[in-house]
Amino acid sequence: MKKLSIFLAFLLSIGLLAACAGKETASGTPKKKELTIGATSGPYSDMVNKAIKPILEKKGYKVKVVEFSDYIQPNLALANGDLDANLFQHKIYMENFAKEHHLDLSEVIIVPTAPMGIYSKKFKSLDEIKDGSEIAIPNDPTNLARALLILQDKKLIKLNPSVNPLTVSEKDIKENVKHLKFKPIEAGQLPRTVESVDLAAVPGNFALAAKMNLMDALALENMPDDYRNRIVVNTKDLNKPFVKDMKEAVESKEFEEVIDKEFKGFGKPKWMLERKQQQ
């Protein structure tokens, strides 16, 4: 009888272990419950802290947010395992960086992103822009293309219709309606030029870092999704439960409510706009 009791106790313990495993993951490995998410200082670390972290914590995660002041370390830290995910980059940057550094990165979901804007201390509207006005523009190819597309959207220039909108440059300007004079500047310095030039095309992240109000822009970018920031993970982690939970957090109504309240002027991605139209 004693041996039978011991045997039954052994079977019971095995059953309990199996039940616990079933509560973890299908593979039997423990479900990850501590997440480290990297983001650049400013609006995107704020977005993680205010709009993503609280939702994940309700799902039972313990979330640590690591802030970065550059665009190189977040991907390197992700690749070496110091981060589980990051939020700071658009598709083109992610793909180019991954190729250059031999990394295997994948996007999880696109998030609302601060758009580039045309700012001025001299003009209160685009209609007031005078012929021959000087405009400071980014000197890097990606942001330059974005600036030129805004100017075209606002009928201030016309671009060669055959060019790739993601790589367009000054040489592709077919018509300069206001005879604008272009002054290429390093993107991070553009907020300072608002005081000294007639117009300045300032990327949203640099505008916010300089305490500029996005809603003060004469025009805001109608940003293609390729230029919007996204949550990025190592490709090997793409199908893990914590990635699914991060995606669900961003897709939640709670996330969008925080965006509408705390991140005014941020352009929403296509998936979010389409969802709104279907409601």
Protein backbone atom coordinates (compact mmCIF):
# COMPACT_ATOMS: atom_id res chain seq x y z
CA MET A 1 0.00 0.00 0.00
CA LYS A 2 2.85 2.36 0.89
CA LYS A 3 4.56 1.70 -2.47
CA LEU A 4 1.27 2.32 -4.26
CA SER A 5 0.84 5.68 -2.49
CA ILE A 6 4.35 6.75 -3.46
CA PHE A 7 3.72 5.75 -7.07
CA LEU A 8 0.45 7.69 -7.20
CA ALA A 9 2.13 10.74 -5.70
CA PHE A 10 4.81 10.49 -8.38
CA LEU A 11 2.20 10.37 -11.13
CA LEU A 12 0.40 13.34 -9.61
CA SER A 13 3.59 15.41 -9.58
CA ILE A 14 4.23 14.58 -13.24
CA GLY A 15 0.68 15.67 -14.07
CA LEU A 16 1.11 18.97 -12.27
CA LEU A 17 4.34 19.66 -14.15
CA ALA A 18 2.64 18.91 -17.44
CA ALA A 19 -0.22 21.25 -16.55
CA CYS A 20 2.23 24.04 -15.72
CA ALA A 21 3.99 23.47 -19.01
CA GLY A 22 0.67 23.81 -20.80
CA LYS A 23 0.23 27.23 -19.23
CA GLU A 24 3.60 28.35 -20.54
CA THR A 25 3.94 27.73 -24.27
CA ALA A 26 3.13 24.98 -26.72
CA SER A 27 6.83 24.04 -26.88
CA GLY A 28 7.06 23.63 -23.10
CA THR A 29 9.44 26.56 -22.64
CA PRO A 30 8.53 29.29 -20.14
CA LYS A 31 6.70 32.28 -21.60
CA LYS A 32 8.90 35.37 -21.50
CA LYS A 33 7.53 37.85 -18.96
CA GLU A 34 10.33 40.42 -18.70
CA LEU A 35 10.80 42.68 -21.71
CA THR A 36 13.45 45.29 -22.47
CA ILE A 37 12.40 47.75 -25.16
CA GLY A 38 14.78 50.34 -26.60
CA ALA A 39 13.75 53.70 -28.04
CA THR A 40 15.34 57.02 -28.86
CA SER A 41 14.97 59.71 -26.21
CA GLY A 42 11.96 61.94 -26.70
CA PRO A 43 8.66 61.10 -28.38
CA TYR A 44 9.31 57.42 -29.04
CA SER A 45 10.55 56.51 -25.57
CA ASP A 46 7.52 58.50 -24.36
CA MET A 47 5.30 56.43 -26.64
CA VAL A 48 6.63 53.19 -25.19
CA ASN A 49 6.28 54.46 -21.62
CA LYS A 50 2.84 56.04 -21.99
CA ALA A 51 1.07 53.99 -24.63
CA ILE A 52 2.68 50.53 -24.84
CA LYS A 53 4.24 49.66 -21.48
CA PRO A 54 1.00 50.06 -19.43
CA ILE A 55 -0.88 47.70 -21.75
CA LEU A 56 1.87 45.08 -21.63
CA GLU A 57 1.97 45.35 -17.84
CA LYS A 58 -1.75 44.56 -17.75
CA LYS A 59 -0.88 41.43 -19.72
CA GLY A 60 1.51 40.45 -16.95
CA TYR A 61 4.82 41.67 -18.34
CA LYS A 62 7.52 43.54 -16.49
CA VAL A 63 8.78 46.15 -18.97
CA LYS A 64 12.08 48.03 -18.89
CA VAL A 65 12.54 50.94 -21.30
CA VAL A 66 16.09 51.84 -22.39
CA GLU A 67 16.63 55.25 -24.01
CA PHE A 68 19.22 55.90 -26.72
CA SER A 69 20.61 59.15 -28.07
CA ASP A 70 21.75 57.78 -31.44
CA TYR A 71 20.40 55.62 -34.27
CA ILE A 72 23.13 52.95 -34.25
CA GLN A 73 23.16 51.40 -30.80
CA PRO A 74 19.44 50.43 -30.64
CA ASN A 75 19.81 47.91 -33.47
CA LEU A 76 23.17 46.60 -32.25
CA ALA A 77 21.74 46.15 -28.75
CA LEU A 78 18.75 44.33 -30.24
CA ALA A 79 20.96 42.01 -32.28
CA ASN A 80 23.18 41.06 -29.33
CA GLY A 81 20.22 40.32 -27.07
CA ASP A 82 20.33 43.34 -24.75
CA LEU A 83 16.92 44.36 -26.10
CA ASP A 84 13.84 42.35 -27.00
CA ALA A 85 12.50 45.06 -29.33
CA ASN A 86 13.12 48.65 -30.33
CA LEU A 87 11.12 51.61 -31.59
CA PHE A 88 12.90 54.41 -33.45
CA GLN A 89 13.35 53.62 -37.16
CA HIS A 90 11.52 53.48 -40.46
CA LYS A 91 11.56 50.64 -42.98
CA ILE A 92 14.27 52.02 -45.25
CA TYR A 93 16.68 52.68 -42.40
CA MET A 94 16.02 49.25 -40.87
CA GLU A 95 16.67 47.40 -44.12
CA ASN A 96 19.80 49.37 -44.98
CA PHE A 97 21.24 49.05 -41.47
CA ALA A 98 20.51 45.32 -41.33
CA LYS A 99 22.18 44.76 -44.70
CA GLU A 100 25.23 46.84 -43.81
CA HIS A 101 25.74 45.15 -40.43
CA HIS A 102 24.61 41.65 -41.46
CA LEU A 103 21.66 41.57 -39.05
CA ASP A 104 18.36 39.74 -39.39
CA LEU A 105 15.66 42.21 -38.28
CA SER A 106 11.91 42.26 -38.86
CA GLU A 107 9.16 44.78 -38.21
CA VAL A 108 6.25 43.94 -35.96
CA ILE A 109 3.88 46.85 -36.58
CA ILE A 110 4.00 50.46 -37.78
CA VAL A 111 3.19 53.14 -35.21
CA PRO A 112 2.02 56.77 -35.44
CA THR A 113 5.00 58.93 -36.34
CA ALA A 114 5.88 62.60 -36.01
CA PRO A 115 5.76 64.01 -39.55
CA MET A 116 8.19 66.39 -41.16
CA GLY A 117 6.83 69.92 -41.37
CA ILE A 118 7.49 73.18 -43.17
CA TYR A 119 8.06 75.85 -40.50
CA SER A 120 8.51 79.60 -40.75
CA LYS A 121 8.81 82.64 -38.50
CA LYS A 122 8.31 84.96 -41.48
CA PHE A 123 5.19 83.54 -43.10
CA LYS A 124 1.91 82.54 -41.48
CA SER A 125 0.70 80.45 -44.40
CA LEU A 126 1.99 78.87 -47.60
CA ASP A 127 0.11 81.51 -49.60
CA GLU A 128 2.36 84.22 -48.12
CA ILE A 129 5.60 82.65 -49.38
CA LYS A 130 7.45 85.16 -51.54
CA ASP A 131 9.24 84.46 -54.80
CA GLY A 132 12.90 83.55 -54.21
CA SER A 133 12.45 82.60 -50.55
CA GLU A 134 15.22 80.55 -48.95
CA ILE A 135 14.30 77.15 -47.48
CA ALA A 136 16.56 75.01 -45.32
CA ILE A 137 16.25 71.33 -46.23
CA PRO A 138 17.87 68.13 -44.90
CA ASN A 139 21.15 67.19 -46.56
CA ASP A 140 20.72 63.41 -46.22
CA PRO A 141 18.99 61.60 -49.11
CA THR A 142 16.08 60.08 -47.16
CA ASN A 143 14.95 63.26 -45.41
CA LEU A 144 15.64 65.38 -48.49
CA ALA A 145 13.26 63.21 -50.50
CA ARG A 146 10.59 63.67 -47.83
CA ALA A 147 11.02 67.47 -47.88
CA LEU A 148 10.70 67.65 -51.65
CA LEU A 149 7.56 65.52 -51.59
CA ILE A 150 5.91 67.92 -49.13
CA LEU A 151 6.77 70.87 -51.36
CA GLN A 152 5.29 69.06 -54.34
CA ASP A 153 2.13 68.13 -52.41
CA LYS A 154 1.70 71.84 -51.64
CA LYS A 155 2.20 72.86 -55.30
CA LEU A 156 5.43 74.75 -54.60
CA ILE A 157 7.53 72.56 -56.91
CA LYS A 158 6.96 69.88 -59.53
CA LEU A 159 9.09 66.77 -59.64
CA ASN A 160 9.92 64.53 -62.56
CA PRO A 161 7.03 62.04 -62.51
CA SER A 162 9.28 59.11 -63.40
CA VAL A 163 11.53 59.34 -60.32
CA ASN A 164 11.38 57.02 -57.31
CA PRO A 165 9.60 59.02 -54.58
CA LEU A 166 11.83 57.41 -51.94
CA THR A 167 15.08 58.59 -53.55
CA VAL A 168 14.08 61.86 -55.20
CA SER A 169 16.60 64.75 -55.00
CA GLU A 170 16.99 68.39 -56.07
CA LYS A 171 18.10 67.35 -59.55
CA ASP A 172 14.64 65.84 -60.07
CA ILE A 173 12.85 69.20 -59.65
CA LYS A 174 11.13 69.90 -62.95
CA GLU A 175 9.51 73.19 -61.98
CA ASN A 176 10.22 75.54 -59.07
CA VAL A 177 7.02 77.58 -58.89
CA LYS A 178 8.25 80.11 -56.28
CA HIS A 179 11.92 79.97 -57.34
CA LEU A 180 12.80 78.69 -53.89
CA LYS A 181 16.48 78.75 -52.92
CA PHE A 182 17.50 75.51 -51.24
CA LYS A 183 19.94 75.45 -48.33
CA PRO A 184 20.99 71.87 -47.39
CA ILE A 185 21.59 71.45 -43.64
CA GLU A 186 22.31 68.47 -41.40
CA ALA A 187 18.87 67.30 -40.25
CA GLY A 188 19.53 67.68 -36.54
CA GLN A 189 20.43 71.35 -37.02
CA LEU A 190 17.29 72.30 -38.94
CA PRO A 191 15.26 73.51 -35.93
CA ARG A 192 17.88 76.22 -35.32
CA THR A 193 17.52 77.52 -38.87
CA VAL A 194 13.85 78.43 -38.43
CA GLU A 195 14.91 81.78 -36.97
CA SER A 196 17.39 82.63 -39.74
CA VAL A 197 15.83 81.44 -43.01
CA ASP A 198 12.47 82.05 -44.64
CA LEU A 199 11.37 78.43 -44.38
CA ALA A 200 12.71 75.18 -42.95
CA ALA A 201 11.74 71.56 -43.55
CA VAL A 202 12.20 69.94 -40.13
CA PRO A 203 11.78 66.20 -39.44
CA GLY A 204 9.27 65.58 -36.66
CA ASN A 205 11.64 63.94 -34.19
CA PHE A 206 14.06 66.88 -34.36
CA ALA A 207 11.20 69.38 -34.14
CA LEU A 208 9.91 67.76 -30.95
CA ALA A 209 13.40 67.49 -29.47
CA ALA A 210 13.69 71.25 -29.97
CA LYS A 211 10.34 71.78 -28.18
CA MET A 212 8.62 72.85 -31.39
CA ASN A 213 4.88 72.33 -31.72
CA LEU A 214 4.01 70.14 -34.70
CA MET A 215 0.74 71.99 -35.10
CA ASP A 216 2.65 75.26 -35.75
CA ALA A 217 3.88 73.97 -39.12
CA LEU A 218 2.62 75.66 -42.27
CA ALA A 219 2.31 72.15 -43.71
CA LEU A 220 2.77 68.65 -42.35
CA GLU A 221 3.93 65.70 -44.36
CA ASN A 222 1.52 63.15 -45.78
CA MET A 223 4.02 60.46 -44.87
CA PRO A 224 4.28 57.14 -46.76
CA ASP A 225 4.24 54.18 -44.38
CA ASP A 226 7.81 53.31 -45.40
CA TYR A 227 8.89 56.46 -43.53
CA ARG A 228 6.88 55.75 -40.39
CA ASN A 229 8.56 54.22 -37.38
CA ARG A 230 7.90 50.64 -36.41
CA ILE A 231 8.49 48.20 -33.60
CA VAL A 232 11.39 45.96 -34.66
CA VAL A 233 12.57 42.60 -33.32
CA ASN A 234 15.11 39.97 -34.27
CA THR A 235 13.57 37.82 -36.99
CA LYS A 236 14.13 34.67 -34.93
CA ASP A 237 11.73 36.10 -32.30
CA LEU A 238 9.01 37.16 -34.74
CA ASN A 239 6.59 34.35 -33.85
CA LYS A 240 7.13 34.40 -30.09
CA PRO A 241 4.20 35.20 -27.75
CA PHE A 242 5.70 38.47 -26.47
CA VAL A 243 5.83 39.81 -30.05
CA LYS A 244 2.18 38.91 -30.58
CA ASP A 245 1.32 40.70 -27.33
CA MET A 246 3.24 43.85 -28.36
CA LYS A 247 1.38 43.92 -31.66
CA GLU A 248 -1.95 43.52 -29.89
CA ALA A 249 -1.02 46.35 -27.52
CA VAL A 250 -0.43 48.75 -30.43
CA GLU A 251 -3.63 47.61 -32.14
CA SER A 252 -5.70 48.27 -29.03
CA LYS A 253 -8.16 51.14 -28.61
CA GLU A 254 -6.33 52.09 -25.42
CA PHE A 255 -3.14 52.72 -27.41
CA GLU A 256 -4.93 54.94 -29.94
CA GLU A 257 -6.62 56.92 -27.18
CA VAL A 258 -3.22 57.77 -25.68
CA ILE A 259 -1.91 58.76 -29.12
CA ASP A 260 -4.86 61.09 -29.71
CA LYS A 261 -4.38 62.72 -26.31
CA GLU A 262 -0.61 62.84 -25.88
CA PHE A 263 0.83 62.82 -29.41
CA LYS A 264 -1.09 65.45 -31.34
CA GLY A 265 0.07 65.93 -34.93
CA PHE A 266 1.50 62.42 -35.24
CA GLY A 267 0.54 60.85 -38.55
CA LYS A 268 -1.25 57.52 -38.22
CA PRO A 269 -0.27 54.51 -40.35
CA LYS A 270 -2.49 53.16 -43.08
CA TRP A 271 -3.73 50.20 -41.02
CA MET A 272 -4.98 52.52 -38.29
CA LEU A 273 -6.75 54.86 -40.70
CA GLU A 274 -8.41 51.94 -42.48
CA ARG A 275 -9.64 50.56 -39.18
CA LYS A 276 -11.16 53.95 -38.37
CA GLN A 277 -13.01 54.00 -41.70
CA GLN A 278 -14.45 50.54 -41.06
CA GLN A 279 -15.85 51.49 -37.64
